[in-house]
Amino acid sequence: MDSAISERTPAPDRTSGHRELAATADNGLKIVVVGGFGVGKTTLVRSVSEIRPLTTEETMTQAGQGIDETGGLDGLRAKTSTTVAFDFGRISLDARNVLYLFGAPGQERFWFLWDRLFSGTLGAVVLVDTRRLEDSWYAIDRLEHHGTPFIVARNDFGGPAPTPGELREALDLDPHVPLIECDARSRQSGKDVLITLVEHLTSRYAAAPSQRQESAQ
């Protein structure tokens, strides 16, 4: 997948129904999308958001050379903009429940923003590019540090990919962490990612009362 092209794809106009949603939704669930530079976080938020997403992209300049490394990968070499704060979108689960999506910046120089974004977060999606798995280690480490439940989604950039077992081993994932494939450009694929996360959160929080009861005994 050409991440440079997908990151520049204009968001469709999804403002219809906005007033109705604002009047009925009363339970907002905060979700963050994290990962390395250029893995498709902005693209994922854009593809699934039912409103016109808020983005904080700025044009990449020569000042970022040697800092925002592209690793010589074709899609990243052509990348011309980057998120400098966060992306924001929204998608309804039903008439009363809404997911608020926050896409975190991927460059190391903006990582100081992550702890603030994680505040009040119900769960997270770690988006990975298997050509640059090391770029995902920090995101996983911070989520584990905060005790935030998460899933891992491998964004499809084409070419050979490791097996799920190899990917789990490379990322040192616990067995309970869901690992799925996705194409961040596809609305349906993005929705499948979020459904997987919500199902994971439901099972985690449903198990919590029984775990607390067992520990009390």
N, C-alpha and C. Protein backbone atom coordinates (compact mmCIF):
# COMPACT_ATOMS: atom_id res chain seq x y z
N MET A 1 0.84 -1.18 0.00
CA MET A 1 0.00 0.00 0.00
C MET A 1 0.88 1.23 0.00
N ASP A 2 0.58 2.20 -0.80
CA ASP A 2 1.33 3.44 -0.84
C ASP A 2 0.81 4.35 0.26
N SER A 3 1.54 4.39 1.39
CA SER A 3 1.04 5.17 2.52
C SER A 3 0.99 6.65 2.20
N ALA A 4 1.88 7.12 1.33
CA ALA A 4 1.87 8.54 1.00
C ALA A 4 0.58 8.92 0.30
N ILE A 5 0.14 8.08 -0.61
CA ILE A 5 -1.11 8.37 -1.31
C ILE A 5 -2.29 8.26 -0.36
N SER A 6 -2.31 7.19 0.45
CA SER A 6 -3.45 6.98 1.33
C SER A 6 -3.55 8.07 2.38
N GLU A 7 -2.41 8.59 2.88
CA GLU A 7 -2.45 9.63 3.88
C GLU A 7 -3.00 10.93 3.31
N ARG A 8 -2.90 11.12 1.97
CA ARG A 8 -3.38 12.36 1.37
C ARG A 8 -4.80 12.23 0.85
N THR A 9 -5.38 11.04 0.92
CA THR A 9 -6.72 10.85 0.38
C THR A 9 -7.71 11.73 1.11
N PRO A 10 -8.47 12.59 0.42
CA PRO A 10 -9.39 13.48 1.10
C PRO A 10 -10.51 12.71 1.78
N ALA A 11 -10.91 13.20 2.94
CA ALA A 11 -11.99 12.53 3.68
C ALA A 11 -13.32 12.82 3.02
N PRO A 12 -14.20 11.82 2.91
CA PRO A 12 -15.52 12.06 2.35
C PRO A 12 -16.36 12.92 3.27
N ASP A 13 -17.37 13.56 2.72
CA ASP A 13 -18.26 14.40 3.52
C ASP A 13 -19.23 13.51 4.27
N ARG A 14 -19.07 13.43 5.59
CA ARG A 14 -19.92 12.56 6.39
C ARG A 14 -20.69 13.37 7.42
N THR A 15 -21.02 14.59 7.09
CA THR A 15 -21.67 15.46 8.06
C THR A 15 -23.15 15.18 8.19
N SER A 16 -23.77 14.45 7.26
CA SER A 16 -25.20 14.17 7.35
C SER A 16 -25.47 13.33 8.58
N GLY A 17 -26.53 13.66 9.31
CA GLY A 17 -26.89 12.93 10.51
C GLY A 17 -26.16 13.41 11.75
N HIS A 18 -25.31 14.43 11.61
CA HIS A 18 -24.51 14.90 12.74
C HIS A 18 -25.41 15.44 13.86
N ARG A 19 -26.45 16.22 13.54
CA ARG A 19 -27.30 16.79 14.58
C ARG A 19 -28.05 15.70 15.33
N GLU A 20 -28.55 14.72 14.61
CA GLU A 20 -29.29 13.63 15.26
C GLU A 20 -28.37 12.88 16.22
N LEU A 21 -27.13 12.62 15.79
CA LEU A 21 -26.18 11.90 16.63
C LEU A 21 -25.87 12.70 17.88
N ALA A 22 -25.63 13.99 17.73
CA ALA A 22 -25.29 14.81 18.88
C ALA A 22 -26.41 14.86 19.90
N ALA A 23 -27.66 14.74 19.45
CA ALA A 23 -28.80 14.86 20.34
C ALA A 23 -29.10 13.56 21.08
N THR A 24 -28.62 12.41 20.57
CA THR A 24 -29.01 11.14 21.17
C THR A 24 -27.86 10.43 21.87
N ALA A 25 -26.63 10.57 21.39
CA ALA A 25 -25.51 9.83 21.97
C ALA A 25 -25.18 10.39 23.35
N ASP A 26 -25.11 9.51 24.35
CA ASP A 26 -24.81 9.98 25.70
C ASP A 26 -23.70 9.17 26.37
N ASN A 27 -23.06 8.28 25.62
CA ASN A 27 -21.98 7.49 26.18
C ASN A 27 -20.81 7.49 25.20
N GLY A 28 -19.80 8.33 25.47
CA GLY A 28 -18.64 8.43 24.59
C GLY A 28 -17.49 7.58 25.10
N LEU A 29 -16.92 6.75 24.24
CA LEU A 29 -15.83 5.85 24.60
C LEU A 29 -14.58 6.30 23.86
N LYS A 30 -13.54 6.64 24.59
CA LYS A 30 -12.32 7.16 23.99
C LYS A 30 -11.37 6.04 23.59
N ILE A 31 -10.95 6.06 22.32
CA ILE A 31 -10.04 5.07 21.75
C ILE A 31 -8.85 5.80 21.14
N VAL A 32 -7.64 5.29 21.34
CA VAL A 32 -6.48 5.88 20.69
C VAL A 32 -5.91 4.91 19.65
N VAL A 33 -5.39 5.46 18.57
CA VAL A 33 -4.71 4.68 17.53
C VAL A 33 -3.26 5.11 17.55
N VAL A 34 -2.37 4.18 17.85
CA VAL A 34 -0.96 4.51 18.00
C VAL A 34 -0.11 3.63 17.08
N GLY A 35 1.14 4.01 16.95
CA GLY A 35 2.05 3.27 16.09
C GLY A 35 3.15 4.18 15.60
N GLY A 36 4.05 3.64 14.81
CA GLY A 36 5.19 4.40 14.32
C GLY A 36 4.83 5.41 13.25
N PHE A 37 5.83 6.12 12.81
CA PHE A 37 5.69 7.15 11.78
C PHE A 37 5.26 6.52 10.45
N GLY A 38 4.16 7.03 9.88
CA GLY A 38 3.73 6.60 8.55
C GLY A 38 3.11 5.22 8.47
N VAL A 39 2.57 4.68 9.59
CA VAL A 39 1.97 3.34 9.52
C VAL A 39 0.50 3.38 9.08
N GLY A 40 -0.09 4.58 8.98
CA GLY A 40 -1.47 4.69 8.48
C GLY A 40 -2.49 5.08 9.53
N LYS A 41 -2.05 5.70 10.62
CA LYS A 41 -2.99 6.07 11.69
C LYS A 41 -4.01 7.11 11.20
N THR A 42 -3.51 8.15 10.53
CA THR A 42 -4.41 9.17 10.00
C THR A 42 -5.37 8.56 8.98
N THR A 43 -4.87 7.67 8.15
CA THR A 43 -5.70 7.02 7.15
C THR A 43 -6.82 6.21 7.80
N LEU A 44 -6.50 5.48 8.87
CA LEU A 44 -7.50 4.67 9.56
C LEU A 44 -8.59 5.54 10.16
N VAL A 45 -8.20 6.63 10.84
CA VAL A 45 -9.19 7.52 11.43
C VAL A 45 -10.07 8.12 10.35
N ARG A 46 -9.48 8.54 9.24
CA ARG A 46 -10.25 9.13 8.15
C ARG A 46 -11.22 8.13 7.55
N SER A 47 -10.78 6.90 7.39
CA SER A 47 -11.60 5.92 6.68
C SER A 47 -12.84 5.51 7.45
N VAL A 48 -12.78 5.52 8.80
CA VAL A 48 -13.91 5.03 9.58
C VAL A 48 -14.77 6.14 10.16
N SER A 49 -14.25 7.36 10.25
CA SER A 49 -14.99 8.43 10.91
C SER A 49 -16.26 8.77 10.14
N GLU A 50 -17.36 8.91 10.88
CA GLU A 50 -18.63 9.27 10.25
C GLU A 50 -18.81 10.78 10.17
N ILE A 51 -17.90 11.52 10.75
CA ILE A 51 -17.87 12.98 10.59
C ILE A 51 -16.59 13.34 9.85
N ARG A 52 -16.53 14.55 9.36
CA ARG A 52 -15.29 15.01 8.75
C ARG A 52 -14.23 15.08 9.85
N PRO A 53 -13.18 14.26 9.75
CA PRO A 53 -12.23 14.19 10.85
C PRO A 53 -11.40 15.45 11.01
N LEU A 54 -11.02 15.70 12.25
CA LEU A 54 -10.09 16.78 12.55
C LEU A 54 -8.68 16.22 12.44
N THR A 55 -7.84 16.86 11.67
CA THR A 55 -6.45 16.43 11.54
C THR A 55 -5.52 17.60 11.84
N THR A 56 -4.33 17.28 12.29
CA THR A 56 -3.32 18.32 12.57
C THR A 56 -2.08 18.03 11.73
N GLU A 57 -2.28 17.78 10.46
CA GLU A 57 -1.16 17.48 9.57
C GLU A 57 -0.49 18.77 9.11
N GLU A 58 0.82 18.71 9.04
CA GLU A 58 1.63 19.81 8.53
C GLU A 58 2.57 19.27 7.45
N THR A 59 2.93 20.15 6.54
CA THR A 59 3.84 19.76 5.46
C THR A 59 5.22 19.45 6.02
N MET A 60 5.79 18.34 5.59
CA MET A 60 7.14 17.97 6.00
C MET A 60 8.14 18.86 5.28
N THR A 61 9.14 19.33 6.02
CA THR A 61 10.13 20.25 5.48
C THR A 61 11.53 19.67 5.62
N GLN A 62 12.49 20.40 5.10
CA GLN A 62 13.88 19.96 5.20
C GLN A 62 14.34 19.88 6.65
N ALA A 63 13.69 20.63 7.54
CA ALA A 63 14.08 20.61 8.95
C ALA A 63 13.86 19.24 9.57
N GLY A 64 12.97 18.45 8.96
CA GLY A 64 12.70 17.12 9.49
C GLY A 64 13.60 16.05 8.94
N GLN A 65 14.46 16.38 8.00
CA GLN A 65 15.37 15.40 7.44
C GLN A 65 16.35 14.91 8.50
N GLY A 66 16.50 13.59 8.56
CA GLY A 66 17.35 13.00 9.58
C GLY A 66 16.64 12.83 10.91
N ILE A 67 15.42 13.38 11.05
CA ILE A 67 14.63 13.23 12.29
C ILE A 67 13.43 12.33 12.03
N ASP A 68 12.62 12.68 11.02
CA ASP A 68 11.49 11.85 10.63
C ASP A 68 11.98 10.86 9.59
N GLU A 69 12.60 9.78 10.03
CA GLU A 69 13.24 8.85 9.12
C GLU A 69 12.22 8.02 8.34
N THR A 70 12.46 7.85 7.06
CA THR A 70 11.59 7.05 6.20
C THR A 70 12.13 5.65 5.99
N GLY A 71 13.38 5.41 6.37
CA GLY A 71 13.95 4.08 6.22
C GLY A 71 14.15 3.66 4.79
N GLY A 72 14.05 4.60 3.85
CA GLY A 72 14.23 4.26 2.45
C GLY A 72 13.08 3.52 1.82
N LEU A 73 11.93 3.44 2.51
CA LEU A 73 10.78 2.72 1.97
C LEU A 73 10.04 3.60 0.98
N ASP A 74 9.57 2.98 -0.10
CA ASP A 74 8.97 3.73 -1.20
C ASP A 74 7.83 4.63 -0.75
N GLY A 75 6.86 4.08 -0.01
CA GLY A 75 5.70 4.85 0.40
C GLY A 75 6.07 6.03 1.28
N LEU A 76 7.05 5.84 2.16
CA LEU A 76 7.42 6.90 3.09
C LEU A 76 8.28 7.97 2.43
N ARG A 77 9.08 7.59 1.44
CA ARG A 77 9.90 8.60 0.75
C ARG A 77 9.03 9.66 0.09
N ALA A 78 7.83 9.25 -0.36
CA ALA A 78 6.94 10.20 -1.03
C ALA A 78 5.99 10.90 -0.07
N LYS A 79 6.10 10.62 1.22
CA LYS A 79 5.21 11.22 2.21
C LYS A 79 5.52 12.71 2.35
N THR A 80 4.50 13.56 2.25
CA THR A 80 4.72 15.00 2.26
C THR A 80 4.11 15.70 3.47
N SER A 81 3.32 15.01 4.28
CA SER A 81 2.72 15.63 5.46
C SER A 81 2.78 14.66 6.63
N THR A 82 2.64 15.20 7.83
CA THR A 82 2.73 14.38 9.03
C THR A 82 1.90 14.98 10.14
N THR A 83 1.36 14.13 11.03
CA THR A 83 0.55 14.58 12.16
C THR A 83 1.47 15.15 13.24
N VAL A 84 1.13 16.34 13.74
CA VAL A 84 1.98 16.99 14.74
C VAL A 84 1.30 17.10 16.11
N ALA A 85 0.04 16.75 16.23
CA ALA A 85 -0.64 16.75 17.53
C ALA A 85 -1.47 15.47 17.64
N PHE A 86 -2.63 15.44 16.99
CA PHE A 86 -3.43 14.22 16.95
C PHE A 86 -4.49 14.36 15.87
N ASP A 87 -5.04 13.22 15.48
CA ASP A 87 -6.21 13.19 14.59
C ASP A 87 -7.42 12.83 15.44
N PHE A 88 -8.59 13.30 15.03
CA PHE A 88 -9.80 13.01 15.79
C PHE A 88 -10.94 12.65 14.84
N GLY A 89 -11.63 11.56 15.16
CA GLY A 89 -12.81 11.15 14.41
C GLY A 89 -13.82 10.49 15.34
N ARG A 90 -14.96 10.12 14.80
CA ARG A 90 -16.02 9.54 15.62
C ARG A 90 -16.82 8.53 14.79
N ILE A 91 -17.23 7.45 15.45
CA ILE A 91 -18.07 6.47 14.81
C ILE A 91 -19.06 5.91 15.82
N SER A 92 -20.32 5.75 15.42
CA SER A 92 -21.36 5.28 16.32
C SER A 92 -21.36 3.76 16.42
N LEU A 93 -21.49 3.27 17.65
CA LEU A 93 -21.74 1.84 17.85
C LEU A 93 -23.23 1.56 17.75
N ASP A 94 -24.03 2.46 18.35
CA ASP A 94 -25.49 2.40 18.27
C ASP A 94 -25.99 3.81 18.61
N ALA A 95 -27.31 3.93 18.87
CA ALA A 95 -27.89 5.26 19.08
C ALA A 95 -27.35 5.96 20.31
N ARG A 96 -26.83 5.20 21.27
CA ARG A 96 -26.40 5.77 22.54
C ARG A 96 -24.90 5.75 22.76
N ASN A 97 -24.18 4.91 22.02
CA ASN A 97 -22.76 4.72 22.28
C ASN A 97 -21.92 5.12 21.07
N VAL A 98 -20.93 5.94 21.34
CA VAL A 98 -20.07 6.48 20.29
C VAL A 98 -18.61 6.26 20.65
N LEU A 99 -17.81 5.87 19.65
CA LEU A 99 -16.37 5.81 19.84
C LEU A 99 -15.75 7.12 19.38
N TYR A 100 -14.95 7.73 20.23
CA TYR A 100 -14.17 8.90 19.86
C TYR A 100 -12.74 8.43 19.59
N LEU A 101 -12.28 8.65 18.38
CA LEU A 101 -10.99 8.12 17.93
C LEU A 101 -9.93 9.21 17.93
N PHE A 102 -8.81 8.92 18.58
CA PHE A 102 -7.68 9.85 18.62
C PHE A 102 -6.47 9.15 18.01
N GLY A 103 -5.98 9.68 16.90
CA GLY A 103 -4.79 9.15 16.28
C GLY A 103 -3.56 9.89 16.79
N ALA A 104 -2.63 9.16 17.40
CA ALA A 104 -1.45 9.79 18.01
C ALA A 104 -0.37 10.03 16.96
N PRO A 105 0.45 11.07 17.14
CA PRO A 105 1.57 11.30 16.22
C PRO A 105 2.60 10.19 16.36
N GLY A 106 3.25 9.84 15.26
CA GLY A 106 4.17 8.71 15.28
C GLY A 106 5.63 9.04 15.51
N GLN A 107 6.03 10.30 15.26
CA GLN A 107 7.45 10.64 15.38
C GLN A 107 7.86 10.71 16.84
N GLU A 108 9.08 10.29 17.10
CA GLU A 108 9.59 10.24 18.47
C GLU A 108 9.54 11.62 19.14
N ARG A 109 9.77 12.68 18.38
CA ARG A 109 9.80 14.02 18.98
C ARG A 109 8.44 14.47 19.49
N PHE A 110 7.34 13.76 19.12
CA PHE A 110 6.01 14.10 19.60
C PHE A 110 5.47 13.09 20.61
N TRP A 111 6.30 12.14 21.02
CA TRP A 111 5.83 11.10 21.95
C TRP A 111 5.43 11.67 23.30
N PHE A 112 5.94 12.85 23.65
CA PHE A 112 5.59 13.44 24.95
C PHE A 112 4.08 13.70 25.05
N LEU A 113 3.39 13.76 23.90
CA LEU A 113 1.94 13.99 23.89
C LEU A 113 1.15 12.74 24.24
N TRP A 114 1.78 11.57 24.13
CA TRP A 114 1.04 10.32 24.25
C TRP A 114 0.41 10.14 25.62
N ASP A 115 1.14 10.43 26.69
CA ASP A 115 0.59 10.20 28.03
C ASP A 115 -0.68 11.00 28.24
N ARG A 116 -0.73 12.21 27.70
CA ARG A 116 -1.95 13.02 27.80
C ARG A 116 -3.08 12.39 26.99
N LEU A 117 -2.77 11.88 25.80
CA LEU A 117 -3.79 11.25 24.98
C LEU A 117 -4.33 9.99 25.63
N PHE A 118 -3.47 9.27 26.37
CA PHE A 118 -3.89 8.04 27.01
C PHE A 118 -4.83 8.28 28.19
N SER A 119 -4.86 9.50 28.73
CA SER A 119 -5.70 9.80 29.89
C SER A 119 -7.18 9.59 29.54
N GLY A 120 -7.86 8.76 30.30
CA GLY A 120 -9.28 8.49 30.06
C GLY A 120 -9.56 7.56 28.91
N THR A 121 -8.52 6.92 28.38
CA THR A 121 -8.69 6.03 27.23
C THR A 121 -9.21 4.67 27.67
N LEU A 122 -10.21 4.18 26.95
CA LEU A 122 -10.77 2.86 27.26
C LEU A 122 -9.91 1.75 26.68
N GLY A 123 -9.37 1.97 25.49
CA GLY A 123 -8.57 0.96 24.83
C GLY A 123 -7.83 1.56 23.64
N ALA A 124 -6.99 0.75 23.00
CA ALA A 124 -6.15 1.28 21.94
C ALA A 124 -5.96 0.27 20.82
N VAL A 125 -5.66 0.80 19.64
CA VAL A 125 -5.24 0.02 18.49
C VAL A 125 -3.79 0.36 18.21
N VAL A 126 -2.94 -0.65 18.17
CA VAL A 126 -1.55 -0.45 17.76
C VAL A 126 -1.46 -0.88 16.29
N LEU A 127 -1.22 0.09 15.43
CA LEU A 127 -1.12 -0.17 13.99
C LEU A 127 0.35 -0.41 13.66
N VAL A 128 0.64 -1.52 12.97
CA VAL A 128 2.04 -1.85 12.70
C VAL A 128 2.28 -2.05 11.21
N ASP A 129 3.49 -1.73 10.82
CA ASP A 129 4.02 -2.01 9.48
C ASP A 129 5.10 -3.06 9.69
N THR A 130 4.92 -4.27 9.14
CA THR A 130 5.84 -5.36 9.43
C THR A 130 7.24 -5.11 8.87
N ARG A 131 7.40 -4.12 8.00
CA ARG A 131 8.73 -3.77 7.51
C ARG A 131 9.52 -2.98 8.54
N ARG A 132 8.80 -2.45 9.58
CA ARG A 132 9.44 -1.60 10.59
C ARG A 132 8.84 -1.91 11.96
N LEU A 133 8.92 -3.16 12.36
CA LEU A 133 8.27 -3.57 13.62
C LEU A 133 8.84 -2.84 14.83
N GLU A 134 10.13 -2.49 14.78
CA GLU A 134 10.74 -1.83 15.92
C GLU A 134 10.08 -0.49 16.24
N ASP A 135 9.40 0.11 15.23
CA ASP A 135 8.72 1.38 15.46
C ASP A 135 7.48 1.21 16.34
N SER A 136 7.04 -0.02 16.55
CA SER A 136 5.83 -0.28 17.34
C SER A 136 6.14 -0.61 18.80
N TRP A 137 7.41 -0.85 19.10
CA TRP A 137 7.76 -1.29 20.46
C TRP A 137 7.42 -0.25 21.51
N TYR A 138 7.67 1.02 21.21
CA TYR A 138 7.42 2.07 22.20
C TYR A 138 5.93 2.16 22.51
N ALA A 139 5.08 2.09 21.47
CA ALA A 139 3.63 2.17 21.68
C ALA A 139 3.15 1.05 22.59
N ILE A 140 3.60 -0.15 22.34
CA ILE A 140 3.19 -1.30 23.15
C ILE A 140 3.69 -1.13 24.58
N ASP A 141 4.92 -0.67 24.73
CA ASP A 141 5.49 -0.47 26.06
C ASP A 141 4.69 0.54 26.86
N ARG A 142 4.31 1.67 26.24
CA ARG A 142 3.57 2.70 26.96
C ARG A 142 2.17 2.23 27.33
N LEU A 143 1.52 1.49 26.46
CA LEU A 143 0.18 0.98 26.76
C LEU A 143 0.24 -0.02 27.91
N GLU A 144 1.23 -0.88 27.90
CA GLU A 144 1.38 -1.83 29.00
C GLU A 144 1.69 -1.10 30.30
N HIS A 145 2.50 -0.04 30.21
CA HIS A 145 2.83 0.77 31.39
C HIS A 145 1.58 1.39 32.00
N HIS A 146 0.68 1.87 31.16
CA HIS A 146 -0.56 2.49 31.63
C HIS A 146 -1.64 1.47 31.97
N GLY A 147 -1.42 0.21 31.63
CA GLY A 147 -2.43 -0.82 31.86
C GLY A 147 -3.62 -0.67 30.93
N THR A 148 -3.40 -0.12 29.74
CA THR A 148 -4.47 0.10 28.78
C THR A 148 -4.64 -1.11 27.87
N PRO A 149 -5.83 -1.73 27.83
CA PRO A 149 -6.04 -2.86 26.92
C PRO A 149 -5.87 -2.42 25.47
N PHE A 150 -5.31 -3.29 24.63
CA PHE A 150 -5.09 -2.93 23.24
C PHE A 150 -5.13 -4.16 22.35
N ILE A 151 -5.28 -3.91 21.06
CA ILE A 151 -5.13 -4.94 20.05
C ILE A 151 -4.06 -4.48 19.07
N VAL A 152 -3.54 -5.39 18.28
CA VAL A 152 -2.54 -5.06 17.27
C VAL A 152 -3.12 -5.35 15.89
N ALA A 153 -3.03 -4.37 14.99
CA ALA A 153 -3.52 -4.52 13.63
C ALA A 153 -2.37 -4.34 12.65
N ARG A 154 -2.11 -5.35 11.83
CA ARG A 154 -1.04 -5.25 10.84
C ARG A 154 -1.60 -4.60 9.57
N ASN A 155 -1.15 -3.38 9.30
CA ASN A 155 -1.60 -2.68 8.11
C ASN A 155 -0.93 -3.31 6.88
N ASP A 156 -1.72 -3.54 5.84
CA ASP A 156 -1.24 -4.25 4.66
C ASP A 156 -0.55 -3.29 3.70
N PHE A 157 0.78 -3.36 3.66
CA PHE A 157 1.56 -2.57 2.72
C PHE A 157 2.04 -3.41 1.54
N GLY A 158 1.53 -4.65 1.42
CA GLY A 158 1.94 -5.53 0.33
C GLY A 158 3.26 -6.22 0.64
N GLY A 159 3.60 -7.18 -0.23
CA GLY A 159 4.86 -7.90 -0.06
C GLY A 159 4.74 -9.01 0.98
N PRO A 160 5.81 -9.73 1.21
CA PRO A 160 5.80 -10.85 2.17
C PRO A 160 5.58 -10.35 3.59
N ALA A 161 4.91 -11.16 4.36
CA ALA A 161 4.61 -10.79 5.75
C ALA A 161 4.91 -11.97 6.66
N PRO A 162 5.30 -11.70 7.89
CA PRO A 162 5.53 -12.79 8.83
C PRO A 162 4.22 -13.48 9.18
N THR A 163 4.32 -14.72 9.64
CA THR A 163 3.14 -15.43 10.11
C THR A 163 2.67 -14.79 11.41
N PRO A 164 1.41 -15.02 11.80
CA PRO A 164 0.94 -14.47 13.08
C PRO A 164 1.84 -14.88 14.25
N GLY A 165 2.30 -16.12 14.25
CA GLY A 165 3.19 -16.56 15.32
C GLY A 165 4.49 -15.80 15.34
N GLU A 166 5.06 -15.58 14.16
CA GLU A 166 6.31 -14.83 14.07
C GLU A 166 6.12 -13.38 14.51
N LEU A 167 4.96 -12.81 14.13
CA LEU A 167 4.69 -11.43 14.49
C LEU A 167 4.49 -11.29 16.00
N ARG A 168 3.78 -12.23 16.59
CA ARG A 168 3.60 -12.22 18.04
C ARG A 168 4.94 -12.30 18.77
N GLU A 169 5.81 -13.17 18.27
CA GLU A 169 7.10 -13.33 18.91
C GLU A 169 7.95 -12.07 18.76
N ALA A 170 7.92 -11.46 17.57
CA ALA A 170 8.72 -10.26 17.32
C ALA A 170 8.26 -9.09 18.19
N LEU A 171 6.95 -9.00 18.45
CA LEU A 171 6.41 -7.92 19.26
C LEU A 171 6.28 -8.29 20.74
N ASP A 172 6.60 -9.56 21.05
CA ASP A 172 6.52 -10.05 22.43
C ASP A 172 5.12 -9.83 23.01
N LEU A 173 4.10 -10.23 22.23
CA LEU A 173 2.71 -10.02 22.64
C LEU A 173 2.25 -11.11 23.60
N ASP A 174 1.48 -10.71 24.61
CA ASP A 174 0.82 -11.69 25.46
C ASP A 174 -0.21 -12.46 24.64
N PRO A 175 -0.47 -13.71 24.99
CA PRO A 175 -1.42 -14.51 24.20
C PRO A 175 -2.83 -13.93 24.12
N HIS A 176 -3.22 -13.14 25.13
CA HIS A 176 -4.59 -12.62 25.15
C HIS A 176 -4.77 -11.40 24.26
N VAL A 177 -3.68 -10.83 23.72
CA VAL A 177 -3.79 -9.63 22.89
C VAL A 177 -4.20 -10.03 21.47
N PRO A 178 -5.37 -9.59 20.98
CA PRO A 178 -5.79 -9.93 19.62
C PRO A 178 -4.84 -9.35 18.57
N LEU A 179 -4.60 -10.13 17.52
CA LEU A 179 -3.74 -9.72 16.41
C LEU A 179 -4.51 -9.96 15.12
N ILE A 180 -4.75 -8.89 14.33
CA ILE A 180 -5.55 -9.01 13.13
C ILE A 180 -4.87 -8.30 11.96
N GLU A 181 -5.34 -8.63 10.75
CA GLU A 181 -4.89 -7.97 9.53
C GLU A 181 -5.84 -6.82 9.21
N CYS A 182 -5.34 -5.77 8.56
CA CYS A 182 -6.24 -4.70 8.15
C CYS A 182 -5.67 -3.95 6.96
N ASP A 183 -6.53 -3.21 6.30
CA ASP A 183 -6.14 -2.25 5.27
C ASP A 183 -6.71 -0.92 5.72
N ALA A 184 -5.87 -0.02 6.20
CA ALA A 184 -6.32 1.23 6.80
C ALA A 184 -7.12 2.09 5.82
N ARG A 185 -6.98 1.85 4.52
CA ARG A 185 -7.72 2.65 3.53
C ARG A 185 -9.18 2.23 3.43
N SER A 186 -9.50 1.02 3.89
CA SER A 186 -10.84 0.46 3.73
C SER A 186 -11.69 0.75 4.96
N ARG A 187 -12.85 1.36 4.73
CA ARG A 187 -13.77 1.66 5.84
C ARG A 187 -14.21 0.38 6.53
N GLN A 188 -14.54 -0.65 5.75
CA GLN A 188 -15.01 -1.90 6.36
C GLN A 188 -13.90 -2.56 7.16
N SER A 189 -12.68 -2.54 6.62
CA SER A 189 -11.57 -3.13 7.35
C SER A 189 -11.30 -2.36 8.63
N GLY A 190 -11.38 -1.04 8.57
CA GLY A 190 -11.20 -0.23 9.77
C GLY A 190 -12.28 -0.50 10.81
N LYS A 191 -13.52 -0.68 10.36
CA LYS A 191 -14.61 -1.00 11.29
C LYS A 191 -14.38 -2.36 11.93
N ASP A 192 -13.85 -3.32 11.15
CA ASP A 192 -13.55 -4.63 11.71
C ASP A 192 -12.50 -4.53 12.82
N VAL A 193 -11.53 -3.65 12.62
CA VAL A 193 -10.51 -3.41 13.65
C VAL A 193 -11.16 -2.91 14.93
N LEU A 194 -12.05 -1.93 14.81
CA LEU A 194 -12.69 -1.35 15.99
C LEU A 194 -13.63 -2.35 16.66
N ILE A 195 -14.32 -3.16 15.85
CA ILE A 195 -15.20 -4.19 16.42
C ILE A 195 -14.37 -5.18 17.23
N THR A 196 -13.21 -5.57 16.69
CA THR A 196 -12.32 -6.48 17.41
C THR A 196 -11.88 -5.88 18.73
N LEU A 197 -11.55 -4.58 18.72
CA LEU A 197 -11.14 -3.92 19.95
C LEU A 197 -12.29 -3.89 20.97
N VAL A 198 -13.48 -3.52 20.52
CA VAL A 198 -14.62 -3.43 21.44
C VAL A 198 -14.93 -4.81 22.03
N GLU A 199 -14.87 -5.85 21.22
CA GLU A 199 -15.11 -7.21 21.72
C GLU A 199 -14.05 -7.59 22.75
N HIS A 200 -12.79 -7.19 22.49
CA HIS A 200 -11.71 -7.47 23.43
C HIS A 200 -11.95 -6.73 24.75
N LEU A 201 -12.35 -5.47 24.66
CA LEU A 201 -12.61 -4.69 25.86
C LEU A 201 -13.78 -5.27 26.64
N THR A 202 -14.82 -5.69 25.92
CA THR A 202 -15.99 -6.26 26.58
C THR A 202 -15.61 -7.50 27.38
N SER A 203 -14.81 -8.37 26.76
CA SER A 203 -14.40 -9.59 27.46
C SER A 203 -13.49 -9.27 28.63
N ARG A 204 -12.61 -8.28 28.47
CA ARG A 204 -11.69 -7.92 29.56
C ARG A 204 -12.45 -7.34 30.75
N TYR A 205 -13.36 -6.40 30.49
CA TYR A 205 -14.06 -5.75 31.58
C TYR A 205 -15.14 -6.65 32.18
N ALA A 206 -15.67 -7.57 31.39
CA ALA A 206 -16.63 -8.52 31.93
C ALA A 206 -15.96 -9.49 32.89
N ALA A 207 -14.70 -9.80 32.61
CA ALA A 207 -13.96 -10.73 33.46
C ALA A 207 -13.44 -10.07 34.72
N ALA A 208 -13.35 -8.75 34.72
CA ALA A 208 -12.75 -8.04 35.85
C ALA A 208 -13.46 -8.28 37.17
N PRO A 209 -14.82 -8.22 37.25
CA PRO A 209 -15.48 -8.44 38.55
C PRO A 209 -15.18 -9.81 39.15
N SER A 210 -15.20 -10.86 38.31
CA SER A 210 -14.93 -12.20 38.82
C SER A 210 -13.48 -12.33 39.29
N GLN A 211 -12.55 -11.63 38.59
CA GLN A 211 -11.15 -11.66 39.00
C GLN A 211 -10.96 -10.96 40.34
N ARG A 212 -11.69 -9.83 40.55
CA ARG A 212 -11.57 -9.13 41.82
C ARG A 212 -12.16 -9.97 42.95
N GLN A 213 -13.26 -10.69 42.64
CA GLN A 213 -13.88 -11.53 43.64
C GLN A 213 -12.96 -12.67 44.07
N GLU A 214 -12.27 -13.26 43.07
CA GLU A 214 -11.34 -14.36 43.36
C GLU A 214 -10.18 -13.88 44.22
N SER A 215 -9.65 -12.68 43.89
CA SER A 215 -8.53 -12.14 44.65
C SER A 215 -8.93 -11.82 46.08
N ALA A 216 -10.21 -11.41 46.28
CA ALA A 216 -10.69 -11.09 47.62
C ALA A 216 -10.80 -12.33 48.49
N GLN A 217 -11.08 -13.47 47.84
CA GLN A 217 -11.18 -14.72 48.57
C GLN A 217 -9.79 -15.24 48.93
